[in-house]
Amino acid sequence: MPKVLMIFVSCIDDLLGTDHEALLEDLRGRYPAVRFTFCHMNPISRDTGVPPQVNIQNKIYDLLDLSSVRDQGANLLGNLVSLLPDSEAPALLAEMGIAPVRHLAGYSTFDGFQEMARSQLNIVIAPPGKYAASNFEKKHGTPYLMALTSYRLEEIAKNYGEISKFSGFRCPDLSDYEAHCREEIE
């Protein structure tokens, strides 16, 4: 039996007026051990504040239960693909005192995914995660900041500076990292 079932509906269901709440109530009554949620894959909503990819991320992170345990970790929200293994982010954040760095793609079980509720901070690395981060903050009290993925060294340094200010942890010296990057670019 799955722990979570995400039901995806399209614009047809919205136009027909499908009563999703009544369906959820019935499903939850029949299968109390399963968590159910609806996600809308509605191309008509692309120009709204909650287009499909924003809605999906919000629904995913809304499945996190409240946790009484907090740690110095940070969640990376906004991108459903994990960081590359050679990314500098986990090591630099750990130098700041922010660890572990958690990402949705790092979990293969629903119970493991629940660890994300322990993090002290959410870092939004891509715009689709902002809405989810805002709702995460309301539900869990976990603050977030925008540090969008960039390939410009100046922007990367600025992001780490913002994370440092926001978290209160000292930003490590980035000069060796920047020199290595410039060497690779050349």
N, C-alpha and C. Protein backbone atom coordinates (compact mmCIF):
# COMPACT_ATOMS: atom_id res chain seq x y z
N MET A 1 0.85 -1.18 0.00
CA MET A 1 0.00 0.00 0.00
C MET A 1 0.90 1.25 0.00
N PRO A 2 0.68 2.19 -0.91
CA PRO A 2 1.50 3.41 -0.93
C PRO A 2 1.20 4.28 0.28
N LYS A 3 2.18 5.10 0.67
CA LYS A 3 1.97 6.03 1.78
C LYS A 3 1.30 7.31 1.31
N VAL A 4 1.54 7.67 0.03
CA VAL A 4 0.99 8.90 -0.54
C VAL A 4 0.50 8.61 -1.94
N LEU A 5 -0.63 9.18 -2.28
CA LEU A 5 -1.13 9.10 -3.65
C LEU A 5 -1.46 10.51 -4.10
N MET A 6 -0.73 10.97 -5.08
CA MET A 6 -0.97 12.29 -5.67
C MET A 6 -1.83 12.08 -6.90
N ILE A 7 -3.00 12.67 -6.90
CA ILE A 7 -3.94 12.52 -8.00
C ILE A 7 -3.85 13.76 -8.88
N PHE A 8 -3.50 13.56 -10.13
CA PHE A 8 -3.35 14.67 -11.05
C PHE A 8 -4.61 14.79 -11.90
N VAL A 9 -5.17 15.99 -11.91
CA VAL A 9 -6.35 16.26 -12.72
C VAL A 9 -6.02 17.37 -13.70
N SER A 10 -6.80 17.42 -14.76
CA SER A 10 -6.55 18.42 -15.79
C SER A 10 -7.65 19.49 -15.77
N CYS A 11 -7.57 20.38 -16.71
CA CYS A 11 -8.53 21.48 -16.79
C CYS A 11 -9.95 20.97 -17.00
N ILE A 12 -10.11 19.81 -17.60
CA ILE A 12 -11.45 19.25 -17.82
C ILE A 12 -12.17 19.08 -16.48
N ASP A 13 -11.43 18.55 -15.48
CA ASP A 13 -12.03 18.37 -14.15
C ASP A 13 -12.45 19.70 -13.54
N ASP A 14 -11.65 20.72 -13.76
CA ASP A 14 -11.99 22.05 -13.24
C ASP A 14 -13.23 22.60 -13.95
N LEU A 15 -13.28 22.41 -15.26
CA LEU A 15 -14.42 22.92 -16.02
C LEU A 15 -15.71 22.16 -15.70
N LEU A 16 -15.57 20.87 -15.40
CA LEU A 16 -16.74 20.05 -15.04
C LEU A 16 -17.20 20.31 -13.61
N GLY A 17 -16.34 20.91 -12.82
CA GLY A 17 -16.70 21.18 -11.42
C GLY A 17 -16.55 19.97 -10.53
N THR A 18 -15.58 19.11 -10.83
CA THR A 18 -15.36 17.92 -10.01
C THR A 18 -15.15 18.33 -8.55
N ASP A 19 -15.85 17.67 -7.65
CA ASP A 19 -15.75 17.96 -6.23
C ASP A 19 -14.58 17.16 -5.65
N HIS A 20 -13.40 17.75 -5.72
CA HIS A 20 -12.20 17.06 -5.27
C HIS A 20 -12.24 16.78 -3.77
N GLU A 21 -12.78 17.70 -3.00
CA GLU A 21 -12.83 17.52 -1.54
C GLU A 21 -13.72 16.32 -1.18
N ALA A 22 -14.84 16.16 -1.85
CA ALA A 22 -15.72 15.01 -1.57
C ALA A 22 -15.01 13.71 -1.93
N LEU A 23 -14.28 13.71 -3.04
CA LEU A 23 -13.54 12.53 -3.44
C LEU A 23 -12.43 12.22 -2.43
N LEU A 24 -11.72 13.26 -1.99
CA LEU A 24 -10.67 13.06 -0.99
C LEU A 24 -11.25 12.49 0.30
N GLU A 25 -12.38 13.02 0.72
CA GLU A 25 -13.02 12.55 1.95
C GLU A 25 -13.35 11.05 1.84
N ASP A 26 -13.88 10.65 0.70
CA ASP A 26 -14.22 9.25 0.48
C ASP A 26 -12.95 8.38 0.48
N LEU A 27 -11.92 8.81 -0.24
CA LEU A 27 -10.68 8.04 -0.30
C LEU A 27 -10.02 7.93 1.07
N ARG A 28 -9.99 9.02 1.81
CA ARG A 28 -9.38 8.99 3.14
C ARG A 28 -10.14 8.09 4.09
N GLY A 29 -11.46 8.03 3.94
CA GLY A 29 -12.26 7.12 4.75
C GLY A 29 -11.98 5.66 4.43
N ARG A 30 -11.81 5.36 3.16
CA ARG A 30 -11.55 3.98 2.74
C ARG A 30 -10.13 3.52 3.03
N TYR A 31 -9.17 4.46 2.90
CA TYR A 31 -7.75 4.12 3.05
C TYR A 31 -7.08 5.10 4.02
N PRO A 32 -7.36 4.96 5.31
CA PRO A 32 -6.84 5.92 6.28
C PRO A 32 -5.32 5.95 6.41
N ALA A 33 -4.63 4.91 6.00
CA ALA A 33 -3.17 4.86 6.10
C ALA A 33 -2.48 5.56 4.93
N VAL A 34 -3.26 6.01 3.94
CA VAL A 34 -2.69 6.64 2.75
C VAL A 34 -2.99 8.14 2.78
N ARG A 35 -1.99 8.94 2.43
CA ARG A 35 -2.18 10.39 2.30
C ARG A 35 -2.56 10.68 0.85
N PHE A 36 -3.60 11.46 0.65
CA PHE A 36 -4.05 11.81 -0.70
C PHE A 36 -3.96 13.31 -0.89
N THR A 37 -3.61 13.71 -2.09
CA THR A 37 -3.62 15.14 -2.44
C THR A 37 -3.88 15.27 -3.94
N PHE A 38 -4.48 16.37 -4.32
CA PHE A 38 -4.74 16.66 -5.73
C PHE A 38 -3.74 17.65 -6.26
N CYS A 39 -3.28 17.41 -7.45
CA CYS A 39 -2.43 18.34 -8.17
C CYS A 39 -3.12 18.68 -9.47
N HIS A 40 -3.11 19.92 -9.83
CA HIS A 40 -3.78 20.36 -11.05
C HIS A 40 -2.75 20.55 -12.16
N MET A 41 -2.92 19.80 -13.23
CA MET A 41 -2.10 19.97 -14.43
C MET A 41 -2.97 20.72 -15.43
N ASN A 42 -3.14 21.98 -15.15
CA ASN A 42 -4.08 22.79 -15.87
C ASN A 42 -3.33 23.85 -16.69
N PRO A 43 -3.20 23.65 -18.00
CA PRO A 43 -2.46 24.63 -18.81
C PRO A 43 -3.11 26.01 -18.80
N ILE A 44 -4.39 26.06 -18.50
CA ILE A 44 -5.08 27.36 -18.44
C ILE A 44 -4.52 28.20 -17.29
N SER A 45 -4.00 27.54 -16.26
CA SER A 45 -3.50 28.25 -15.08
C SER A 45 -2.04 28.71 -15.21
N ARG A 46 -1.44 28.54 -16.39
CA ARG A 46 -0.03 28.94 -16.56
C ARG A 46 0.20 30.40 -16.26
N ASP A 47 -0.78 31.25 -16.53
CA ASP A 47 -0.60 32.69 -16.32
C ASP A 47 -1.11 33.16 -14.96
N THR A 48 -1.43 32.22 -14.07
CA THR A 48 -1.90 32.59 -12.74
C THR A 48 -0.73 32.56 -11.77
N GLY A 49 -0.99 32.87 -10.52
CA GLY A 49 0.05 32.84 -9.50
C GLY A 49 0.47 31.44 -9.12
N VAL A 50 -0.34 30.44 -9.49
CA VAL A 50 -0.03 29.05 -9.12
C VAL A 50 -0.14 28.15 -10.35
N PRO A 51 0.79 28.29 -11.30
CA PRO A 51 0.79 27.41 -12.46
C PRO A 51 1.16 25.99 -12.04
N PRO A 52 1.00 25.01 -12.95
CA PRO A 52 1.21 23.60 -12.57
C PRO A 52 2.49 23.29 -11.82
N GLN A 53 3.65 23.73 -12.29
CA GLN A 53 4.88 23.33 -11.60
C GLN A 53 4.99 23.96 -10.21
N VAL A 54 4.40 25.12 -10.02
CA VAL A 54 4.36 25.76 -8.70
C VAL A 54 3.41 24.98 -7.79
N ASN A 55 2.25 24.62 -8.32
CA ASN A 55 1.25 23.85 -7.57
C ASN A 55 1.82 22.50 -7.12
N ILE A 56 2.51 21.82 -8.01
CA ILE A 56 3.06 20.50 -7.68
C ILE A 56 4.06 20.61 -6.54
N GLN A 57 4.96 21.58 -6.62
CA GLN A 57 5.94 21.72 -5.53
C GLN A 57 5.25 22.05 -4.21
N ASN A 58 4.25 22.90 -4.26
CA ASN A 58 3.52 23.23 -3.05
C ASN A 58 2.86 21.99 -2.45
N LYS A 59 2.24 21.19 -3.29
CA LYS A 59 1.57 19.98 -2.82
C LYS A 59 2.57 18.98 -2.23
N ILE A 60 3.74 18.87 -2.84
CA ILE A 60 4.76 17.95 -2.33
C ILE A 60 5.19 18.36 -0.92
N TYR A 61 5.58 19.62 -0.75
CA TYR A 61 6.10 20.05 0.54
C TYR A 61 5.00 20.18 1.59
N ASP A 62 3.75 20.29 1.16
CA ASP A 62 2.65 20.32 2.11
C ASP A 62 2.46 18.95 2.78
N LEU A 63 3.03 17.91 2.21
CA LEU A 63 2.95 16.57 2.79
C LEU A 63 3.87 16.39 3.99
N LEU A 64 4.74 17.36 4.24
CA LEU A 64 5.64 17.26 5.39
C LEU A 64 4.86 17.51 6.68
N ASP A 65 5.03 16.62 7.63
CA ASP A 65 4.39 16.78 8.93
C ASP A 65 5.18 17.77 9.78
N LEU A 66 4.52 18.38 10.75
CA LEU A 66 5.23 19.26 11.68
C LEU A 66 6.22 18.43 12.48
N SER A 67 7.38 18.99 12.74
CA SER A 67 8.42 18.29 13.50
C SER A 67 8.79 19.11 14.72
N SER A 68 8.90 18.44 15.85
CA SER A 68 9.33 19.12 17.07
C SER A 68 10.85 19.17 17.14
N VAL A 69 11.52 18.42 16.25
CA VAL A 69 12.98 18.38 16.21
C VAL A 69 13.46 19.35 15.13
N ARG A 70 14.39 20.20 15.51
CA ARG A 70 15.02 21.13 14.53
C ARG A 70 16.51 20.90 14.56
N ASP A 71 17.14 21.10 13.42
CA ASP A 71 18.58 21.02 13.33
C ASP A 71 19.11 22.20 12.53
N GLN A 72 20.37 22.21 12.22
CA GLN A 72 21.00 23.32 11.50
C GLN A 72 20.92 23.15 9.99
N GLY A 73 20.06 22.24 9.54
CA GLY A 73 19.96 21.93 8.12
C GLY A 73 19.23 22.99 7.31
N ALA A 74 19.38 22.85 6.01
CA ALA A 74 18.68 23.73 5.06
C ALA A 74 18.12 22.87 3.94
N ASN A 75 16.93 23.23 3.50
CA ASN A 75 16.30 22.57 2.35
C ASN A 75 16.52 23.44 1.12
N LEU A 76 16.78 22.80 0.01
CA LEU A 76 16.86 23.50 -1.28
C LEU A 76 15.55 23.23 -2.00
N LEU A 77 14.78 24.29 -2.25
CA LEU A 77 13.47 24.17 -2.89
C LEU A 77 13.47 24.85 -4.25
N GLY A 78 12.61 24.37 -5.12
CA GLY A 78 12.40 25.04 -6.40
C GLY A 78 12.80 24.23 -7.61
N ASN A 79 13.70 23.29 -7.41
CA ASN A 79 14.14 22.45 -8.51
C ASN A 79 13.92 21.00 -8.08
N LEU A 80 13.30 20.20 -8.93
CA LEU A 80 13.03 18.82 -8.58
C LEU A 80 14.21 17.89 -8.89
N VAL A 81 15.26 18.44 -9.50
CA VAL A 81 16.45 17.66 -9.83
C VAL A 81 17.52 18.00 -8.79
N SER A 82 18.20 16.98 -8.29
CA SER A 82 19.21 17.21 -7.25
C SER A 82 20.42 17.96 -7.81
N LEU A 83 21.18 18.51 -6.89
CA LEU A 83 22.43 19.17 -7.26
C LEU A 83 23.39 18.14 -7.85
N LEU A 84 24.28 18.61 -8.67
CA LEU A 84 25.32 17.72 -9.19
C LEU A 84 26.22 17.29 -8.04
N PRO A 85 26.76 16.09 -8.09
CA PRO A 85 27.59 15.59 -6.99
C PRO A 85 28.79 16.49 -6.67
N ASP A 86 29.30 17.20 -7.66
CA ASP A 86 30.47 18.06 -7.41
C ASP A 86 30.09 19.51 -7.10
N SER A 87 28.83 19.75 -6.78
CA SER A 87 28.40 21.10 -6.42
C SER A 87 29.11 21.56 -5.15
N GLU A 88 29.45 22.82 -5.13
CA GLU A 88 30.12 23.39 -3.96
C GLU A 88 29.17 23.69 -2.82
N ALA A 89 27.87 23.73 -3.09
CA ALA A 89 26.90 24.20 -2.10
C ALA A 89 26.93 23.44 -0.77
N PRO A 90 26.83 22.11 -0.76
CA PRO A 90 26.83 21.43 0.54
C PRO A 90 28.07 21.71 1.39
N ALA A 91 29.24 21.71 0.76
CA ALA A 91 30.48 21.96 1.51
C ALA A 91 30.55 23.39 2.03
N LEU A 92 30.20 24.36 1.19
CA LEU A 92 30.26 25.76 1.63
C LEU A 92 29.22 26.05 2.70
N LEU A 93 28.02 25.50 2.54
CA LEU A 93 27.00 25.70 3.57
C LEU A 93 27.41 25.04 4.87
N ALA A 94 28.03 23.86 4.80
CA ALA A 94 28.51 23.20 6.01
C ALA A 94 29.58 24.04 6.70
N GLU A 95 30.46 24.69 5.92
CA GLU A 95 31.46 25.59 6.51
C GLU A 95 30.80 26.74 7.26
N MET A 96 29.62 27.13 6.80
CA MET A 96 28.86 28.19 7.48
C MET A 96 28.17 27.68 8.73
N GLY A 97 28.10 26.37 8.89
CA GLY A 97 27.37 25.79 10.01
C GLY A 97 25.97 25.34 9.63
N ILE A 98 25.68 25.34 8.33
CA ILE A 98 24.36 24.92 7.83
C ILE A 98 24.50 23.52 7.24
N ALA A 99 24.07 22.54 8.01
CA ALA A 99 24.15 21.15 7.54
C ALA A 99 23.17 20.31 8.35
N PRO A 100 22.59 19.31 7.74
CA PRO A 100 22.79 18.85 6.38
C PRO A 100 22.00 19.71 5.39
N VAL A 101 22.42 19.61 4.13
CA VAL A 101 21.68 20.25 3.04
C VAL A 101 20.77 19.17 2.48
N ARG A 102 19.47 19.49 2.47
CA ARG A 102 18.48 18.50 2.05
C ARG A 102 17.80 18.92 0.75
N HIS A 103 17.51 17.92 -0.06
CA HIS A 103 16.81 18.15 -1.32
C HIS A 103 15.86 16.98 -1.55
N LEU A 104 14.72 17.27 -2.09
CA LEU A 104 13.69 16.27 -2.35
C LEU A 104 14.26 15.03 -3.04
N ALA A 105 15.11 15.21 -4.03
CA ALA A 105 15.64 14.08 -4.81
C ALA A 105 16.57 13.18 -3.99
N GLY A 106 16.94 13.62 -2.80
CA GLY A 106 17.81 12.82 -1.96
C GLY A 106 17.08 11.75 -1.15
N TYR A 107 15.77 11.65 -1.32
CA TYR A 107 14.98 10.71 -0.53
C TYR A 107 14.32 9.68 -1.42
N SER A 108 14.37 8.43 -0.96
CA SER A 108 13.71 7.36 -1.71
C SER A 108 12.48 6.84 -0.97
N THR A 109 12.26 7.33 0.26
CA THR A 109 11.08 6.91 1.01
C THR A 109 10.35 8.12 1.55
N PHE A 110 9.08 7.96 1.80
CA PHE A 110 8.27 9.04 2.36
C PHE A 110 8.72 9.36 3.79
N ASP A 111 9.05 8.32 4.56
CA ASP A 111 9.51 8.55 5.93
C ASP A 111 10.82 9.34 5.94
N GLY A 112 11.73 9.02 5.03
CA GLY A 112 12.97 9.77 4.93
C GLY A 112 12.73 11.22 4.55
N PHE A 113 11.83 11.42 3.61
CA PHE A 113 11.45 12.77 3.14
C PHE A 113 11.01 13.65 4.31
N GLN A 114 10.42 13.04 5.33
CA GLN A 114 9.93 13.81 6.49
C GLN A 114 11.06 14.54 7.21
N GLU A 115 12.32 14.13 7.00
CA GLU A 115 13.47 14.82 7.60
C GLU A 115 13.51 16.29 7.20
N MET A 116 12.97 16.62 6.03
CA MET A 116 13.03 18.01 5.56
C MET A 116 12.31 18.95 6.51
N ALA A 117 11.37 18.45 7.29
CA ALA A 117 10.63 19.29 8.23
C ALA A 117 11.51 19.73 9.40
N ARG A 118 12.67 19.12 9.58
CA ARG A 118 13.58 19.48 10.67
C ARG A 118 14.44 20.70 10.37
N SER A 119 14.60 21.04 9.12
CA SER A 119 15.54 22.09 8.73
C SER A 119 15.15 23.45 9.30
N GLN A 120 16.16 24.23 9.61
CA GLN A 120 15.98 25.57 10.16
C GLN A 120 15.75 26.62 9.07
N LEU A 121 16.00 26.25 7.81
CA LEU A 121 16.01 27.24 6.73
C LEU A 121 15.64 26.57 5.42
N ASN A 122 14.89 27.29 4.60
CA ASN A 122 14.63 26.88 3.22
C ASN A 122 15.31 27.87 2.30
N ILE A 123 16.05 27.36 1.35
CA ILE A 123 16.72 28.20 0.35
C ILE A 123 16.06 27.90 -0.98
N VAL A 124 15.44 28.92 -1.56
CA VAL A 124 14.76 28.76 -2.85
C VAL A 124 15.79 28.98 -3.95
N ILE A 125 16.05 27.90 -4.71
CA ILE A 125 17.08 27.96 -5.75
C ILE A 125 16.50 28.12 -7.15
N ALA A 126 15.17 28.04 -7.28
CA ALA A 126 14.49 28.25 -8.56
C ALA A 126 13.10 28.82 -8.27
N PRO A 127 12.62 29.73 -9.11
CA PRO A 127 11.36 30.43 -8.84
C PRO A 127 10.15 29.55 -8.52
N PRO A 128 9.98 28.35 -9.12
CA PRO A 128 8.79 27.57 -8.78
C PRO A 128 8.68 27.18 -7.31
N GLY A 129 9.75 27.30 -6.55
CA GLY A 129 9.72 26.94 -5.14
C GLY A 129 9.29 28.03 -4.20
N LYS A 130 9.15 29.26 -4.68
CA LYS A 130 8.85 30.38 -3.77
C LYS A 130 7.49 30.22 -3.09
N TYR A 131 6.48 29.85 -3.83
CA TYR A 131 5.13 29.70 -3.25
C TYR A 131 5.14 28.60 -2.20
N ALA A 132 5.79 27.47 -2.50
CA ALA A 132 5.88 26.37 -1.54
C ALA A 132 6.65 26.82 -0.29
N ALA A 133 7.73 27.57 -0.48
CA ALA A 133 8.52 28.04 0.66
C ALA A 133 7.70 28.97 1.55
N SER A 134 6.90 29.83 0.93
CA SER A 134 6.04 30.74 1.69
C SER A 134 5.02 29.95 2.51
N ASN A 135 4.41 28.95 1.92
CA ASN A 135 3.44 28.12 2.65
C ASN A 135 4.13 27.25 3.70
N PHE A 136 5.33 26.79 3.41
CA PHE A 136 6.14 26.01 4.35
C PHE A 136 6.41 26.87 5.59
N GLU A 137 6.75 28.12 5.35
CA GLU A 137 7.02 29.04 6.47
C GLU A 137 5.77 29.22 7.34
N LYS A 138 4.60 29.37 6.71
CA LYS A 138 3.36 29.53 7.47
C LYS A 138 3.05 28.28 8.29
N LYS A 139 3.24 27.11 7.70
CA LYS A 139 2.88 25.85 8.37
C LYS A 139 3.91 25.44 9.42
N HIS A 140 5.20 25.55 9.09
CA HIS A 140 6.27 25.02 9.95
C HIS A 140 7.05 26.10 10.69
N GLY A 141 6.88 27.36 10.28
CA GLY A 141 7.67 28.42 10.90
C GLY A 141 9.10 28.46 10.40
N THR A 142 9.37 27.81 9.28
CA THR A 142 10.72 27.74 8.71
C THR A 142 10.91 28.90 7.73
N PRO A 143 11.79 29.84 8.04
CA PRO A 143 11.98 30.97 7.13
C PRO A 143 12.65 30.53 5.84
N TYR A 144 12.50 31.37 4.83
CA TYR A 144 13.14 31.07 3.55
C TYR A 144 13.78 32.32 2.98
N LEU A 145 14.72 32.10 2.09
CA LEU A 145 15.29 33.20 1.34
C LEU A 145 15.51 32.76 -0.09
N MET A 146 15.51 33.73 -0.97
CA MET A 146 15.72 33.47 -2.39
C MET A 146 17.22 33.53 -2.67
N ALA A 147 17.77 32.47 -3.22
CA ALA A 147 19.16 32.42 -3.66
C ALA A 147 19.15 31.60 -4.95
N LEU A 148 18.64 32.22 -6.00
CA LEU A 148 18.41 31.51 -7.26
C LEU A 148 19.71 31.03 -7.89
N THR A 149 19.64 29.86 -8.48
CA THR A 149 20.79 29.28 -9.16
C THR A 149 21.32 30.26 -10.18
N SER A 150 22.63 30.42 -10.19
CA SER A 150 23.27 31.33 -11.13
C SER A 150 24.60 30.71 -11.57
N TYR A 151 25.07 31.15 -12.71
CA TYR A 151 26.37 30.71 -13.20
C TYR A 151 27.33 31.89 -13.28
N ARG A 152 26.93 33.02 -12.76
CA ARG A 152 27.78 34.21 -12.70
C ARG A 152 28.46 34.23 -11.33
N LEU A 153 29.77 34.28 -11.31
CA LEU A 153 30.51 34.21 -10.06
C LEU A 153 30.10 35.30 -9.07
N GLU A 154 29.84 36.50 -9.58
CA GLU A 154 29.45 37.61 -8.70
C GLU A 154 28.11 37.32 -8.04
N GLU A 155 27.20 36.74 -8.79
CA GLU A 155 25.87 36.41 -8.27
C GLU A 155 25.95 35.26 -7.26
N ILE A 156 26.80 34.29 -7.54
CA ILE A 156 27.00 33.18 -6.61
C ILE A 156 27.53 33.71 -5.28
N ALA A 157 28.54 34.57 -5.33
CA ALA A 157 29.11 35.15 -4.11
C ALA A 157 28.06 35.96 -3.36
N LYS A 158 27.27 36.70 -4.10
CA LYS A 158 26.19 37.49 -3.47
C LYS A 158 25.20 36.57 -2.77
N ASN A 159 24.82 35.45 -3.41
CA ASN A 159 23.90 34.49 -2.79
C ASN A 159 24.45 33.95 -1.48
N TYR A 160 25.73 33.56 -1.48
CA TYR A 160 26.32 33.04 -0.24
C TYR A 160 26.39 34.14 0.83
N GLY A 161 26.64 35.36 0.42
CA GLY A 161 26.63 36.48 1.38
C GLY A 161 25.25 36.68 1.98
N GLU A 162 24.20 36.57 1.16
CA GLU A 162 22.83 36.70 1.64
C GLU A 162 22.46 35.57 2.59
N ILE A 163 22.87 34.36 2.25
CA ILE A 163 22.62 33.21 3.12
C ILE A 163 23.31 33.43 4.46
N SER A 164 24.54 33.92 4.42
CA SER A 164 25.29 34.19 5.64
C SER A 164 24.58 35.23 6.51
N LYS A 165 24.17 36.33 5.91
CA LYS A 165 23.45 37.38 6.66
C LYS A 165 22.16 36.84 7.25
N PHE A 166 21.42 36.13 6.44
CA PHE A 166 20.11 35.62 6.84
C PHE A 166 20.23 34.62 8.00
N SER A 167 21.23 33.74 7.91
CA SER A 167 21.37 32.67 8.91
C SER A 167 22.14 33.11 10.15
N GLY A 168 22.93 34.17 10.00
CA GLY A 168 23.75 34.61 11.12
C GLY A 168 25.08 33.88 11.21
N PHE A 169 25.36 33.01 10.26
CA PHE A 169 26.63 32.28 10.24
C PHE A 169 27.61 33.00 9.32
N ARG A 170 28.90 32.90 9.65
CA ARG A 170 29.95 33.54 8.87
C ARG A 170 30.09 32.87 7.50
N CYS A 171 30.20 33.67 6.48
CA CYS A 171 30.41 33.15 5.13
C CYS A 171 31.88 32.78 4.97
N PRO A 172 32.17 31.59 4.47
CA PRO A 172 33.58 31.23 4.27
C PRO A 172 34.21 32.06 3.16
N ASP A 173 35.52 32.07 3.18
CA ASP A 173 36.27 32.76 2.13
C ASP A 173 36.03 32.02 0.81
N LEU A 174 35.54 32.73 -0.18
CA LEU A 174 35.21 32.12 -1.47
C LEU A 174 36.32 32.32 -2.52
N SER A 175 37.43 32.95 -2.15
CA SER A 175 38.44 33.31 -3.15
C SER A 175 39.05 32.08 -3.84
N ASP A 176 39.34 31.01 -3.10
CA ASP A 176 39.90 29.81 -3.73
C ASP A 176 38.89 29.19 -4.70
N TYR A 177 37.65 29.14 -4.26
CA TYR A 177 36.59 28.59 -5.11
C TYR A 177 36.46 29.44 -6.39
N GLU A 178 36.43 30.76 -6.23
CA GLU A 178 36.30 31.66 -7.40
C GLU A 178 37.49 31.50 -8.32
N ALA A 179 38.72 31.40 -7.77
CA ALA A 179 39.90 31.24 -8.60
C ALA A 179 39.83 29.94 -9.39
N HIS A 180 39.41 28.86 -8.73
CA HIS A 180 39.27 27.58 -9.42
C HIS A 180 38.25 27.68 -10.54
N CYS A 181 37.14 28.33 -10.29
CA CYS A 181 36.09 28.50 -11.31
C CYS A 181 36.61 29.30 -12.50
N ARG A 182 37.31 30.40 -12.21
CA ARG A 182 37.87 31.23 -13.31
C ARG A 182 38.85 30.41 -14.16
N GLU A 183 39.64 29.58 -13.48
CA GLU A 183 40.60 28.71 -14.19
C GLU A 183 39.84 27.75 -15.12
N GLU A 184 38.80 27.13 -14.60
CA GLU A 184 38.00 26.18 -15.39
C GLU A 184 37.32 26.88 -16.57
N ILE A 185 36.82 28.08 -16.32
CA ILE A 185 36.14 28.84 -17.39
C ILE A 185 37.12 29.17 -18.50
N GLU A 186 38.32 29.62 -18.12
CA GLU A 186 39.33 29.95 -19.13
C GLU A 186 39.78 28.72 -19.87
